[in-house]
Amino acid sequence: MKGRRTLPARGFTLIEMLVVVGIFGLILTAIGLEFSGVVSHTLHTRANTDAEGGARIMLTGVSNEMRAAFPDLTDFPSGPPPTVTQPAVSSTGPVAQFYRVRQGSLGVPIPLCAAPNNLAPCPPFDIVTVQIDPLSPGVLEKLVRPVAGGGAPVRTVLGTGVTQFAVTSNGDGTRYSVDITVAAPSSHCRNGACTFTLDSVVYIGGLGTE
């Protein structure tokens, strides 16, 4: 009776192991590239969303401020300047400036005007200036200074990341175009930032002819 011959167990060769490792490496590389693309797209989308949100918030703020503009008949009874004026362009860009009845002033008795506007109400006015801060580029600010008494203006930051701001008249003194461009920093966007531009038309109320 012949004995049964037992074959030795066969393992993987070096070439087979190298092939498996190579395939595994290609799979990991593909997964890594896909993950990197997803992350980059997410960060790019987030920067775009931040820029859009900032632009919308600032455009709403500027529009609401401008809708409160009113010609200052108290201090310029013979011929008030335009409701919204545009002083000389500053080092950081255009400036929008307008008069506004002082907020909260209607809660107290309004004095009567002196000559030549005797017996007419004389509410206190503020000068409101909207501009990009010359000392902090990219910061859109609002400066409010009382006409009577003067004094230092009160500063309010409307937003940051502003690369362009402009207010232009459409010609009739009641309609103004407001343009704001905001850049959100991101290394996943062109030139290191995602930008978003919004423009809107603001209608300014007048004295009326009724």
Protein backbone atom coordinates (compact mmCIF):
# COMPACT_ATOMS: atom_id res chain seq x y z
CA MET A 1 0.00 0.00 0.00
CA LYS A 2 1.44 3.25 -1.10
CA GLY A 3 1.56 6.21 1.35
CA ARG A 4 -0.33 9.47 0.52
CA ARG A 5 1.95 12.31 -0.44
CA THR A 6 1.21 15.64 1.29
CA LEU A 7 1.97 18.78 -0.75
CA PRO A 8 3.42 21.76 1.14
CA ALA A 9 1.08 24.81 1.59
CA ARG A 10 1.62 27.40 -1.17
CA GLY A 11 1.99 31.10 -0.11
CA PHE A 12 1.88 34.37 -2.05
CA THR A 13 4.81 35.26 -4.18
CA LEU A 14 6.54 38.64 -3.98
CA ILE A 15 5.11 39.68 -7.36
CA GLU A 16 1.56 38.87 -6.25
CA MET A 17 2.03 40.91 -3.07
CA LEU A 18 3.36 43.86 -5.06
CA VAL A 19 0.37 43.71 -7.40
CA VAL A 20 -2.07 43.68 -4.46
CA VAL A 21 -0.28 46.56 -2.75
CA GLY A 22 -0.32 48.55 -6.00
CA ILE A 23 -4.02 48.01 -6.53
CA PHE A 24 -4.73 48.94 -2.93
CA GLY A 25 -2.64 52.09 -3.33
CA LEU A 26 -4.56 53.11 -6.47
CA ILE A 27 -7.86 52.65 -4.63
CA LEU A 28 -6.67 54.79 -1.70
CA THR A 29 -5.40 57.46 -4.11
CA ALA A 30 -8.74 57.60 -5.92
CA ILE A 31 -10.59 57.86 -2.61
CA GLY A 32 -8.24 60.62 -1.44
CA LEU A 33 -8.65 62.63 -4.64
CA GLU A 34 -12.43 62.32 -4.46
CA PHE A 35 -12.46 63.39 -0.81
CA SER A 36 -10.16 66.33 -1.55
CA GLY A 37 -12.46 67.43 -4.38
CA VAL A 38 -15.52 67.24 -2.13
CA VAL A 39 -13.80 69.27 0.60
CA SER A 40 -12.56 71.88 -1.88
CA HIS A 41 -16.03 72.23 -3.42
CA THR A 42 -17.61 72.54 0.04
CA LEU A 43 -15.20 75.27 1.10
CA HIS A 44 -15.66 77.09 -2.21
CA THR A 45 -19.45 76.94 -1.83
CA ARG A 46 -19.25 78.16 1.77
CA ALA A 47 -17.09 81.14 0.76
CA ASN A 48 -19.54 82.00 -2.02
CA THR A 49 -22.43 81.76 0.43
CA ASP A 50 -20.62 83.98 2.95
CA ALA A 51 -19.95 86.60 0.27
CA GLU A 52 -23.55 86.54 -0.92
CA GLY A 53 -24.95 86.72 2.61
CA GLY A 54 -22.68 89.62 3.53
CA ALA A 55 -23.60 91.52 0.37
CA ARG A 56 -27.33 91.04 0.98
CA ILE A 57 -27.10 92.17 4.60
CA MET A 58 -25.14 95.31 3.70
CA LEU A 59 -27.32 96.15 0.71
CA THR A 60 -30.41 95.89 2.90
CA GLY A 61 -28.80 98.10 5.55
CA VAL A 62 -27.75 100.80 3.08
CA SER A 63 -31.14 100.72 1.33
CA ASN A 64 -33.02 101.09 4.60
CA GLU A 65 -30.83 104.00 5.63
CA MET A 66 -31.31 105.76 2.30
CA ARG A 67 -35.09 105.33 2.40
CA ALA A 68 -35.05 107.48 5.55
CA ALA A 69 -33.31 110.33 3.67
CA PHE A 70 -35.18 113.63 3.62
CA PRO A 71 -34.22 117.11 2.36
CA ASP A 72 -33.11 119.37 5.19
CA LEU A 73 -35.57 122.25 4.88
CA THR A 74 -34.78 123.40 8.40
CA ASP A 75 -31.22 124.46 7.66
CA PHE A 76 -31.67 125.11 3.91
CA PRO A 77 -35.19 126.62 3.55
CA SER A 78 -34.48 128.48 0.32
CA GLY A 79 -33.17 125.47 -1.56
CA PRO A 80 -31.99 122.26 0.12
CA PRO A 81 -29.23 120.26 -1.53
CA PRO A 82 -30.07 116.97 -3.25
CA THR A 83 -31.51 114.33 -0.93
CA VAL A 84 -28.49 112.13 -1.55
CA THR A 85 -25.21 113.77 -2.49
CA GLN A 86 -21.95 112.22 -3.58
CA PRO A 87 -18.95 114.15 -2.27
CA ALA A 88 -15.57 113.88 -3.90
CA VAL A 89 -14.41 110.28 -4.14
CA SER A 90 -12.29 109.34 -1.16
CA SER A 91 -9.11 107.29 -1.28
CA THR A 92 -11.17 104.14 -0.82
CA GLY A 93 -14.06 104.82 -3.19
CA PRO A 94 -17.37 106.68 -3.57
CA VAL A 95 -19.18 108.27 -0.65
CA ALA A 96 -22.96 108.59 -0.24
CA GLN A 97 -24.21 111.35 2.03
CA PHE A 98 -27.74 112.42 2.95
CA TYR A 99 -29.82 114.19 5.58
CA ARG A 100 -32.12 112.32 7.93
CA VAL A 101 -34.47 113.41 10.68
CA ARG A 102 -32.82 112.41 13.93
CA GLN A 103 -34.07 109.04 15.09
CA GLY A 104 -36.21 109.22 18.22
CA SER A 105 -36.73 112.98 17.87
CA LEU A 106 -40.46 112.59 17.20
CA GLY A 107 -40.96 111.37 20.76
CA VAL A 108 -40.34 114.85 22.16
CA PRO A 109 -42.02 118.17 21.29
CA ILE A 110 -40.63 119.62 18.07
CA PRO A 111 -39.72 123.32 18.31
CA LEU A 112 -40.95 125.85 15.80
CA CYS A 113 -38.61 127.32 13.24
CA ALA A 114 -37.27 130.84 13.48
CA ALA A 115 -37.25 133.21 10.52
CA PRO A 116 -37.77 132.73 7.65
CA ASN A 117 -39.69 129.51 8.52
CA ASN A 118 -41.69 130.89 11.44
CA LEU A 119 -44.31 128.55 12.93
CA ALA A 120 -43.08 125.60 10.86
CA PRO A 121 -41.87 122.46 12.66
CA CYS A 122 -38.10 122.26 12.96
CA PRO A 123 -37.03 118.68 13.65
CA PRO A 124 -33.32 118.14 14.26
CA PHE A 125 -31.42 116.65 11.33
CA ASP A 126 -28.42 114.37 11.12
CA ILE A 127 -25.92 114.06 8.29
CA VAL A 128 -25.45 110.39 7.40
CA THR A 129 -22.37 109.31 5.45
CA VAL A 130 -21.90 105.80 4.07
CA GLN A 131 -18.43 104.93 2.83
CA ILE A 132 -15.59 102.43 2.94
CA ASP A 133 -13.50 103.26 5.99
CA PRO A 134 -10.31 105.00 4.77
CA LEU A 135 -8.38 103.59 7.73
CA SER A 136 -9.76 100.04 7.46
CA PRO A 137 -10.06 99.00 3.81
CA GLY A 138 -12.94 96.60 3.25
CA VAL A 139 -15.02 97.93 6.15
CA LEU A 140 -18.26 99.62 5.12
CA GLU A 141 -19.21 102.18 7.74
CA LYS A 142 -22.01 104.62 8.53
CA LEU A 143 -21.17 107.96 10.15
CA VAL A 144 -23.96 109.99 11.77
CA ARG A 145 -23.30 113.59 12.82
CA PRO A 146 -25.91 116.07 14.12
CA VAL A 147 -26.33 119.17 11.97
CA ALA A 148 -26.97 121.37 15.02
CA GLY A 149 -24.11 121.39 17.45
CA GLY A 150 -21.82 119.28 15.30
CA GLY A 151 -19.55 117.07 17.34
CA ALA A 152 -17.82 113.83 16.50
CA PRO A 153 -19.81 111.48 14.24
CA VAL A 154 -21.13 108.20 15.62
CA ARG A 155 -19.64 105.29 13.68
CA THR A 156 -21.45 102.05 12.90
CA VAL A 157 -19.90 99.17 10.96
CA LEU A 158 -22.31 97.87 8.31
CA GLY A 159 -20.09 95.01 7.14
CA THR A 160 -16.64 93.83 6.13
CA GLY A 161 -14.97 92.40 3.05
CA VAL A 162 -16.30 95.15 0.79
CA THR A 163 -14.23 95.65 -2.36
CA GLN A 164 -16.61 97.98 -4.19
CA PHE A 165 -19.38 100.35 -3.09
CA ALA A 166 -21.18 102.89 -5.23
CA VAL A 167 -24.38 104.93 -5.07
CA THR A 168 -25.36 106.67 -8.31
CA SER A 169 -28.39 108.78 -9.18
CA ASN A 170 -30.61 107.73 -12.05
CA GLY A 171 -31.15 111.38 -12.90
CA ASP A 172 -34.43 112.40 -11.35
CA GLY A 173 -33.28 112.69 -7.73
CA THR A 174 -35.69 110.04 -6.46
CA ARG A 175 -34.05 106.84 -7.72
CA TYR A 176 -30.55 105.71 -6.83
CA SER A 177 -28.61 102.60 -7.80
CA VAL A 178 -26.69 100.92 -4.99
CA ASP A 179 -23.89 98.49 -5.89
CA ILE A 180 -21.94 96.44 -3.37
CA THR A 181 -19.27 93.79 -3.99
CA VAL A 182 -18.14 91.57 -1.12
CA ALA A 183 -15.17 89.19 -1.11
CA ALA A 184 -14.99 86.22 1.26
CA PRO A 185 -11.39 85.00 1.76
CA SER A 186 -10.80 81.42 0.64
CA SER A 187 -7.79 79.62 -0.80
CA HIS A 188 -10.24 77.55 -2.85
CA CYS A 189 -11.46 80.58 -4.83
CA ARG A 190 -9.86 82.51 -7.65
CA ASN A 191 -7.33 85.09 -6.45
CA GLY A 192 -7.80 83.90 -2.87
CA ALA A 193 -11.40 85.06 -2.45
CA CYS A 194 -14.94 84.42 -3.65
CA THR A 195 -16.74 87.60 -4.67
CA PHE A 196 -20.42 88.40 -4.97
CA THR A 197 -21.95 91.59 -6.37
CA LEU A 198 -25.45 92.88 -5.69
CA ASP A 199 -27.18 95.94 -7.04
CA SER A 200 -30.54 97.45 -6.25
CA VAL A 201 -32.60 100.55 -6.98
CA VAL A 202 -33.68 102.60 -3.97
CA TYR A 203 -36.55 105.05 -4.23
CA ILE A 204 -36.22 108.16 -2.09
CA GLY A 205 -39.38 109.89 -0.93
CA GLY A 206 -39.76 113.61 -1.66
CA LEU A 207 -41.91 116.41 -0.34
CA GLY A 208 -44.78 115.71 -2.73
CA THR A 209 -47.01 118.23 -4.48
CA GLU A 210 -50.34 117.54 -2.76
